[in-house]
N, C-alpha and C. Protein backbone atom coordinates (compact mmCIF):
# COMPACT_ATOMS: atom_id res chain seq x y z
N MET A 1 0.12 14.75 19.55
CA MET A 1 0.90 14.36 18.39
C MET A 1 2.39 14.45 18.73
N GLU A 2 3.06 13.36 18.51
CA GLU A 2 4.50 13.32 18.74
C GLU A 2 5.23 13.90 17.53
N ARG A 3 6.18 14.77 17.79
CA ARG A 3 6.97 15.36 16.70
C ARG A 3 8.19 14.48 16.43
N ILE A 4 8.56 14.42 15.15
CA ILE A 4 9.76 13.68 14.76
C ILE A 4 10.71 14.66 14.08
N SER A 5 11.94 14.26 13.97
CA SER A 5 12.92 15.12 13.31
C SER A 5 12.89 14.87 11.81
N TRP A 6 13.49 15.78 11.05
CA TRP A 6 13.59 15.61 9.60
C TRP A 6 14.36 14.34 9.27
N SER A 7 15.40 14.04 10.04
CA SER A 7 16.16 12.82 9.78
C SER A 7 15.32 11.57 10.02
N ASP A 8 14.37 11.61 10.98
CA ASP A 8 13.44 10.49 11.18
C ASP A 8 12.58 10.30 9.93
N PHE A 9 12.05 11.39 9.41
CA PHE A 9 11.20 11.33 8.22
C PHE A 9 11.97 10.79 7.02
N GLU A 10 13.21 11.18 6.88
CA GLU A 10 14.02 10.74 5.74
C GLU A 10 14.25 9.22 5.74
N LYS A 11 14.10 8.59 6.88
CA LYS A 11 14.28 7.14 6.97
C LYS A 11 13.10 6.37 6.37
N VAL A 12 11.95 7.00 6.27
CA VAL A 12 10.76 6.34 5.74
C VAL A 12 10.79 6.43 4.22
N ASP A 13 10.82 5.29 3.56
CA ASP A 13 10.89 5.23 2.10
C ASP A 13 9.47 5.02 1.56
N ILE A 14 8.89 6.10 1.04
CA ILE A 14 7.52 6.07 0.52
C ILE A 14 7.60 6.18 -0.99
N ARG A 15 6.96 5.23 -1.68
CA ARG A 15 7.05 5.17 -3.14
C ARG A 15 5.67 5.01 -3.77
N VAL A 16 5.63 5.31 -5.07
CA VAL A 16 4.44 5.11 -5.89
C VAL A 16 4.59 3.80 -6.65
N GLY A 17 3.51 3.02 -6.70
CA GLY A 17 3.51 1.78 -7.46
C GLY A 17 2.15 1.54 -8.07
N THR A 18 2.10 0.62 -9.02
CA THR A 18 0.87 0.28 -9.71
C THR A 18 0.39 -1.11 -9.28
N VAL A 19 -0.87 -1.21 -8.93
CA VAL A 19 -1.47 -2.48 -8.54
C VAL A 19 -1.55 -3.38 -9.77
N VAL A 20 -0.90 -4.56 -9.68
CA VAL A 20 -0.88 -5.49 -10.82
C VAL A 20 -1.69 -6.76 -10.55
N ALA A 21 -2.07 -7.01 -9.30
CA ALA A 21 -2.89 -8.18 -8.97
C ALA A 21 -3.59 -7.93 -7.64
N VAL A 22 -4.82 -8.41 -7.54
CA VAL A 22 -5.61 -8.30 -6.30
C VAL A 22 -6.43 -9.57 -6.14
N GLU A 23 -6.49 -10.06 -4.91
CA GLU A 23 -7.37 -11.20 -4.64
C GLU A 23 -7.91 -11.09 -3.22
N HIS A 24 -9.02 -11.77 -2.99
CA HIS A 24 -9.60 -11.80 -1.65
C HIS A 24 -8.64 -12.51 -0.70
N PHE A 25 -8.71 -12.15 0.58
CA PHE A 25 -7.83 -12.71 1.61
C PHE A 25 -8.71 -13.27 2.73
N PRO A 26 -9.35 -14.41 2.49
CA PRO A 26 -10.29 -14.96 3.48
C PRO A 26 -9.65 -15.37 4.80
N GLU A 27 -8.35 -15.64 4.80
CA GLU A 27 -7.68 -16.07 6.04
C GLU A 27 -7.40 -14.90 7.00
N ALA A 28 -7.50 -13.67 6.52
CA ALA A 28 -7.24 -12.50 7.37
C ALA A 28 -8.33 -12.36 8.42
N ARG A 29 -7.97 -11.82 9.56
CA ARG A 29 -8.91 -11.63 10.67
C ARG A 29 -10.03 -10.66 10.28
N ASN A 30 -9.67 -9.57 9.58
CA ASN A 30 -10.64 -8.58 9.11
C ASN A 30 -10.70 -8.64 7.59
N PRO A 31 -11.84 -8.29 6.98
CA PRO A 31 -11.94 -8.35 5.51
C PRO A 31 -10.80 -7.56 4.85
N SER A 32 -10.07 -8.25 3.97
CA SER A 32 -8.88 -7.66 3.36
C SER A 32 -8.68 -8.20 1.95
N TYR A 33 -7.79 -7.52 1.23
CA TYR A 33 -7.31 -8.00 -0.07
C TYR A 33 -5.83 -8.30 0.04
N LYS A 34 -5.37 -9.26 -0.76
CA LYS A 34 -3.95 -9.46 -1.03
C LYS A 34 -3.67 -8.68 -2.30
N ILE A 35 -2.66 -7.82 -2.25
CA ILE A 35 -2.37 -6.94 -3.39
C ILE A 35 -0.91 -7.11 -3.80
N LYS A 36 -0.65 -7.14 -5.11
CA LYS A 36 0.71 -7.09 -5.64
C LYS A 36 0.88 -5.74 -6.33
N ILE A 37 1.97 -5.06 -5.99
CA ILE A 37 2.21 -3.71 -6.48
C ILE A 37 3.57 -3.65 -7.16
N ASP A 38 3.60 -3.10 -8.38
CA ASP A 38 4.84 -2.94 -9.14
C ASP A 38 5.45 -1.59 -8.80
N PHE A 39 6.64 -1.61 -8.18
CA PHE A 39 7.36 -0.39 -7.81
C PHE A 39 8.50 -0.10 -8.77
N GLY A 40 8.48 -0.64 -9.96
CA GLY A 40 9.49 -0.35 -10.97
C GLY A 40 10.71 -1.24 -10.86
N PRO A 41 11.70 -0.99 -11.74
CA PRO A 41 12.85 -1.90 -11.84
C PRO A 41 13.72 -1.96 -10.58
N GLU A 42 13.80 -0.89 -9.82
CA GLU A 42 14.66 -0.89 -8.62
C GLU A 42 14.11 -1.79 -7.51
N LEU A 43 12.81 -1.72 -7.27
CA LEU A 43 12.19 -2.44 -6.15
C LEU A 43 11.37 -3.65 -6.59
N GLY A 44 10.94 -3.69 -7.83
CA GLY A 44 10.17 -4.82 -8.33
C GLY A 44 8.75 -4.86 -7.77
N VAL A 45 8.16 -6.04 -7.79
CA VAL A 45 6.79 -6.24 -7.32
C VAL A 45 6.83 -6.66 -5.86
N ARG A 46 6.01 -6.00 -5.05
CA ARG A 46 5.91 -6.32 -3.62
C ARG A 46 4.47 -6.64 -3.27
N LYS A 47 4.31 -7.42 -2.21
CA LYS A 47 2.97 -7.84 -1.76
C LYS A 47 2.55 -7.02 -0.54
N SER A 48 1.24 -6.81 -0.44
CA SER A 48 0.69 -6.13 0.72
C SER A 48 -0.70 -6.67 1.02
N SER A 49 -1.10 -6.60 2.27
CA SER A 49 -2.46 -6.90 2.68
C SER A 49 -3.10 -5.57 3.04
N ALA A 50 -4.33 -5.36 2.58
CA ALA A 50 -4.98 -4.07 2.84
C ALA A 50 -6.45 -4.28 3.21
N GLN A 51 -6.85 -3.62 4.30
CA GLN A 51 -8.24 -3.67 4.76
C GLN A 51 -9.01 -2.52 4.10
N ILE A 52 -9.27 -2.69 2.81
CA ILE A 52 -9.92 -1.63 2.03
C ILE A 52 -11.16 -2.14 1.31
N THR A 53 -11.71 -3.23 1.78
CA THR A 53 -12.84 -3.86 1.09
C THR A 53 -14.14 -3.07 1.21
N ASP A 54 -14.24 -2.16 2.19
CA ASP A 54 -15.46 -1.37 2.38
C ASP A 54 -15.70 -0.41 1.22
N ILE A 55 -14.63 0.14 0.67
CA ILE A 55 -14.76 1.18 -0.35
C ILE A 55 -14.38 0.68 -1.74
N TYR A 56 -13.39 -0.20 -1.81
CA TYR A 56 -12.81 -0.58 -3.10
C TYR A 56 -13.21 -1.98 -3.53
N ASP A 57 -13.66 -2.08 -4.77
CA ASP A 57 -13.96 -3.37 -5.37
C ASP A 57 -12.64 -3.97 -5.87
N LEU A 58 -12.54 -5.23 -5.75
CA LEU A 58 -11.36 -5.98 -6.17
C LEU A 58 -10.86 -5.57 -7.55
N TYR A 59 -11.75 -5.53 -8.52
CA TYR A 59 -11.35 -5.30 -9.91
C TYR A 59 -11.06 -3.83 -10.21
N ASP A 60 -11.62 -2.91 -9.43
CA ASP A 60 -11.37 -1.49 -9.64
C ASP A 60 -9.96 -1.09 -9.25
N LEU A 61 -9.31 -1.89 -8.42
CA LEU A 61 -7.96 -1.55 -7.96
C LEU A 61 -6.89 -1.86 -9.01
N LEU A 62 -7.15 -2.83 -9.88
CA LEU A 62 -6.16 -3.21 -10.90
C LEU A 62 -5.79 -2.02 -11.76
N GLY A 63 -4.48 -1.79 -11.91
CA GLY A 63 -3.99 -0.70 -12.74
C GLY A 63 -3.93 0.64 -12.04
N GLN A 64 -4.44 0.72 -10.81
CA GLN A 64 -4.41 1.98 -10.07
C GLN A 64 -3.05 2.19 -9.41
N GLN A 65 -2.61 3.43 -9.39
CA GLN A 65 -1.38 3.74 -8.66
C GLN A 65 -1.72 4.02 -7.20
N VAL A 66 -0.84 3.56 -6.31
CA VAL A 66 -1.00 3.75 -4.88
C VAL A 66 0.32 4.24 -4.30
N VAL A 67 0.25 4.70 -3.06
CA VAL A 67 1.43 5.17 -2.32
C VAL A 67 1.65 4.20 -1.16
N ALA A 68 2.91 3.79 -0.97
CA ALA A 68 3.19 2.80 0.08
C ALA A 68 4.57 3.01 0.69
N VAL A 69 4.69 2.60 1.95
CA VAL A 69 5.99 2.55 2.62
C VAL A 69 6.62 1.23 2.23
N VAL A 70 7.85 1.28 1.70
CA VAL A 70 8.48 0.07 1.19
C VAL A 70 9.66 -0.42 2.03
N ASN A 71 10.00 0.28 3.10
CA ASN A 71 11.16 -0.16 3.88
C ASN A 71 10.83 -0.61 5.31
N PHE A 72 9.57 -0.99 5.56
CA PHE A 72 9.26 -1.68 6.80
C PHE A 72 9.70 -3.13 6.65
N PRO A 73 10.01 -3.81 7.75
CA PRO A 73 10.29 -5.24 7.63
C PRO A 73 9.03 -5.99 7.23
N PRO A 74 9.15 -7.13 6.55
CA PRO A 74 7.97 -7.91 6.20
C PRO A 74 7.17 -8.28 7.44
N LYS A 75 5.83 -8.36 7.27
CA LYS A 75 4.95 -8.69 8.38
C LYS A 75 4.09 -9.87 8.00
N GLN A 76 4.09 -10.90 8.85
CA GLN A 76 3.28 -12.08 8.62
C GLN A 76 1.84 -11.80 9.04
N ILE A 77 0.91 -11.94 8.10
CA ILE A 77 -0.51 -11.77 8.38
C ILE A 77 -1.20 -13.05 7.93
N ALA A 78 -1.66 -13.84 8.89
CA ALA A 78 -2.20 -15.18 8.62
C ALA A 78 -1.15 -15.97 7.85
N ASN A 79 -1.48 -16.45 6.66
CA ASN A 79 -0.53 -17.24 5.86
C ASN A 79 0.14 -16.41 4.76
N PHE A 80 0.20 -15.09 4.95
CA PHE A 80 0.66 -14.17 3.91
C PHE A 80 1.77 -13.28 4.47
N ASN A 81 2.80 -13.02 3.69
CA ASN A 81 3.91 -12.17 4.08
C ASN A 81 3.78 -10.81 3.39
N SER A 82 3.36 -9.79 4.14
CA SER A 82 3.18 -8.45 3.61
C SER A 82 4.53 -7.73 3.57
N GLU A 83 4.89 -7.19 2.40
CA GLU A 83 6.22 -6.61 2.18
C GLU A 83 6.22 -5.09 2.12
N CYS A 84 5.06 -4.46 2.14
CA CYS A 84 4.98 -3.00 2.12
C CYS A 84 3.66 -2.59 2.77
N LEU A 85 3.53 -1.31 3.09
CA LEU A 85 2.32 -0.80 3.73
C LEU A 85 1.68 0.24 2.81
N VAL A 86 0.53 -0.11 2.26
CA VAL A 86 -0.21 0.82 1.42
C VAL A 86 -0.81 1.90 2.33
N LEU A 87 -0.68 3.16 1.93
CA LEU A 87 -1.12 4.27 2.77
C LEU A 87 -2.51 4.75 2.39
N GLY A 88 -3.26 5.16 3.41
CA GLY A 88 -4.60 5.69 3.19
C GLY A 88 -5.03 6.56 4.34
N ALA A 89 -6.05 7.36 4.10
CA ALA A 89 -6.64 8.20 5.13
C ALA A 89 -7.63 7.35 5.91
N VAL A 90 -7.53 7.40 7.25
CA VAL A 90 -8.41 6.59 8.10
C VAL A 90 -9.25 7.49 8.99
N GLY A 91 -10.31 6.92 9.52
CA GLY A 91 -11.15 7.66 10.45
C GLY A 91 -12.53 7.94 9.91
N ASP A 92 -12.70 7.90 8.61
CA ASP A 92 -14.01 8.08 8.00
C ASP A 92 -14.82 6.81 8.25
N ALA A 93 -16.08 6.97 8.55
CA ALA A 93 -16.93 5.81 8.83
C ALA A 93 -17.04 4.86 7.64
N LYS A 94 -16.75 5.35 6.43
CA LYS A 94 -16.87 4.51 5.24
C LYS A 94 -15.67 3.60 5.04
N GLY A 95 -14.54 3.86 5.69
CA GLY A 95 -13.37 3.02 5.54
C GLY A 95 -12.13 3.80 5.13
N VAL A 96 -11.09 3.07 4.79
CA VAL A 96 -9.80 3.66 4.41
C VAL A 96 -9.87 4.17 2.98
N VAL A 97 -9.41 5.41 2.77
CA VAL A 97 -9.33 5.99 1.43
C VAL A 97 -7.86 6.01 1.02
N LEU A 98 -7.53 5.32 -0.06
CA LEU A 98 -6.15 5.19 -0.50
C LEU A 98 -5.56 6.53 -0.93
N LEU A 99 -4.27 6.69 -0.62
CA LEU A 99 -3.53 7.85 -1.14
C LEU A 99 -3.03 7.49 -2.52
N ARG A 100 -3.21 8.41 -3.47
CA ARG A 100 -2.80 8.16 -4.85
C ARG A 100 -2.25 9.45 -5.44
N PRO A 101 -1.32 9.33 -6.40
CA PRO A 101 -0.84 10.55 -7.06
C PRO A 101 -1.96 11.16 -7.89
N GLU A 102 -1.92 12.46 -8.02
CA GLU A 102 -2.92 13.18 -8.80
C GLU A 102 -2.83 12.83 -10.29
N ARG A 103 -1.60 12.57 -10.74
CA ARG A 103 -1.36 12.24 -12.14
C ARG A 103 -0.53 10.97 -12.22
N LEU A 104 -0.58 10.32 -13.37
CA LEU A 104 0.22 9.13 -13.60
C LEU A 104 1.70 9.49 -13.54
N VAL A 105 2.45 8.73 -12.74
CA VAL A 105 3.89 8.92 -12.62
C VAL A 105 4.59 7.59 -12.76
N ALA A 106 5.89 7.61 -12.90
CA ALA A 106 6.65 6.37 -13.05
C ALA A 106 6.60 5.57 -11.75
N ASN A 107 6.45 4.25 -11.89
CA ASN A 107 6.49 3.38 -10.72
C ASN A 107 7.85 3.50 -10.05
N GLY A 108 7.83 3.57 -8.71
CA GLY A 108 9.05 3.63 -7.94
C GLY A 108 9.46 5.04 -7.54
N LEU A 109 8.77 6.07 -8.06
CA LEU A 109 9.14 7.42 -7.66
C LEU A 109 8.93 7.58 -6.16
N ARG A 110 9.87 8.31 -5.54
CA ARG A 110 9.84 8.49 -4.10
C ARG A 110 8.95 9.67 -3.74
N ILE A 111 8.23 9.54 -2.63
CA ILE A 111 7.41 10.62 -2.09
C ILE A 111 8.22 11.36 -1.06
N LEU A 112 8.25 12.67 -1.17
CA LEU A 112 8.98 13.51 -0.20
C LEU A 112 8.03 14.47 0.46
């Protein structure tokens, strides 16, 4: 495991947002969803692609809060421009488990 400094960590902008739209992403190389996430008035709605189809049903994600990195540069995935990275725990044979706040919080709150 590579260690980073506190100043390195402070550069990563991790925020809470609410999923406002989800659709299948058939053009992606691996089974994925296209997701729109509302990060509040400061950041607005951002798009992300997520390989979470093993555990999460399309309709169950609507209205759920998620945690995402919002200051990576946009990434082109097939014909889609992903603007943030939704975070999850990986390594379980069942798939990626999304990170979510324990309680409902305001969209756009920063994770420290």
